[in-house]
C-alpha atoms as a PDB file:
ATOM      1  CA  MET A   1       2.963  18.777  23.606  1.00  0.00           C
ATOM      2  CA  LEU A   2       4.506  15.262  23.859  1.00  0.00           C
ATOM      3  CA  ASP A   3       1.024  13.798  23.158  1.00  0.00           C
ATOM      4  CA  LYS A   4       0.669  15.877  19.942  1.00  0.00           C
ATOM      5  CA  LYS A   5       4.073  14.627  18.712  1.00  0.00           C
ATOM      6  CA  ARG A   6       3.060  11.036  19.360  1.00  0.00           C
ATOM      7  CA  ILE A   7      -0.193  11.510  17.557  1.00  0.00           C
ATOM      8  CA  SER A   8       1.399  13.022  14.511  1.00  0.00           C
ATOM      9  CA  ARG A   9       4.033  10.329  14.431  1.00  0.00           C
ATOM     10  CA  THR A  10       1.369   7.641  14.587  1.00  0.00           C
ATOM     11  CA  LYS A  11      -0.501   9.329  11.772  1.00  0.00           C
ATOM     12  CA  ALA A  12       2.694   9.376   9.678  1.00  0.00           C
ATOM     13  CA  ILE A  13       3.305   5.724  10.296  1.00  0.00           C
ATOM     14  CA  ILE A  14      -0.302   4.912   9.421  1.00  0.00           C
ATOM     15  CA  HIS A  15       0.050   7.013   6.196  1.00  0.00           C
ATOM     16  CA  LYS A  16       3.267   5.124   5.295  1.00  0.00           C
ATOM     17  CA  ILE A  17       1.520   1.759   5.813  1.00  0.00           C
ATOM     18  CA  GLY A  18      -1.337   2.855   3.678  1.00  0.00           C
ATOM     19  CA  GLU A  19       1.006   3.851   0.894  1.00  0.00           C
ATOM     20  CA  GLN A  20       2.741   0.486   1.071  1.00  0.00           C
ATOM     21  CA  VAL A  21      -0.723  -1.288   0.967  1.00  0.00           C
ATOM     22  CA  LYS A  22      -1.706   0.707  -2.078  1.00  0.00           C
ATOM     23  CA  LEU A  23       1.468  -0.229  -3.826  1.00  0.00           C
ATOM     24  CA  SER A  24       1.054  -3.890  -2.941  1.00  0.00           C
ATOM     25  CA  LEU A  25      -2.509  -3.914  -4.350  1.00  0.00           C
ATOM     26  CA  LYS A  26      -1.364  -2.217  -7.527  1.00  0.00           C
ATOM     27  CA  LEU A  27       1.358  -4.892  -7.905  1.00  0.00           C
ATOM     28  CA  LEU A  28      -1.127  -7.690  -7.177  1.00  0.00           C
ATOM     29  CA  LYS A  29      -3.550  -6.383  -9.739  1.00  0.00           C
ATOM     30  CA  PHE A  30      -0.795  -6.034 -12.346  1.00  0.00           C
ATOM     31  CA  LEU A  31       0.404  -9.596 -11.699  1.00  0.00           C
ATOM     32  CA  MET A  32      -3.114 -11.078 -11.931  1.00  0.00           C
ATOM     33  CA  MET A  33      -3.614  -9.095 -15.172  1.00  0.00           C
ATOM     34  CA  MET A  34      -0.323 -10.572 -16.611  1.00  0.00           C
ATOM     35  CA  GLU A  35      -1.344 -14.046 -15.540  1.00  0.00           C
ATOM     36  CA  THR A  36      -4.709 -13.659 -17.275  1.00  0.00           C
ATOM     37  CA  ILE A  37      -3.036 -12.417 -20.504  1.00  0.00           C
ATOM     38  CA  LEU A  38      -0.586 -15.307 -20.455  1.00  0.00           C
ATOM     39  CA  PHE A  39      -3.342 -17.740 -19.804  1.00  0.00           C
ATOM     40  CA  LEU A  40      -5.346 -16.407 -22.750  1.00  0.00           C
ATOM     41  CA  MET A  41      -2.444 -16.560 -25.174  1.00  0.00           C
END
């Protein structure tokens, strides 16, 4: 029982980290796009 709880908690943490990474990558792509646009202007 305790093992299952620990596994589900670990999964939740990994999922949260995954979401943060996705957001960071989106932000990075957006910033690079803006930089390119400003560079081309």
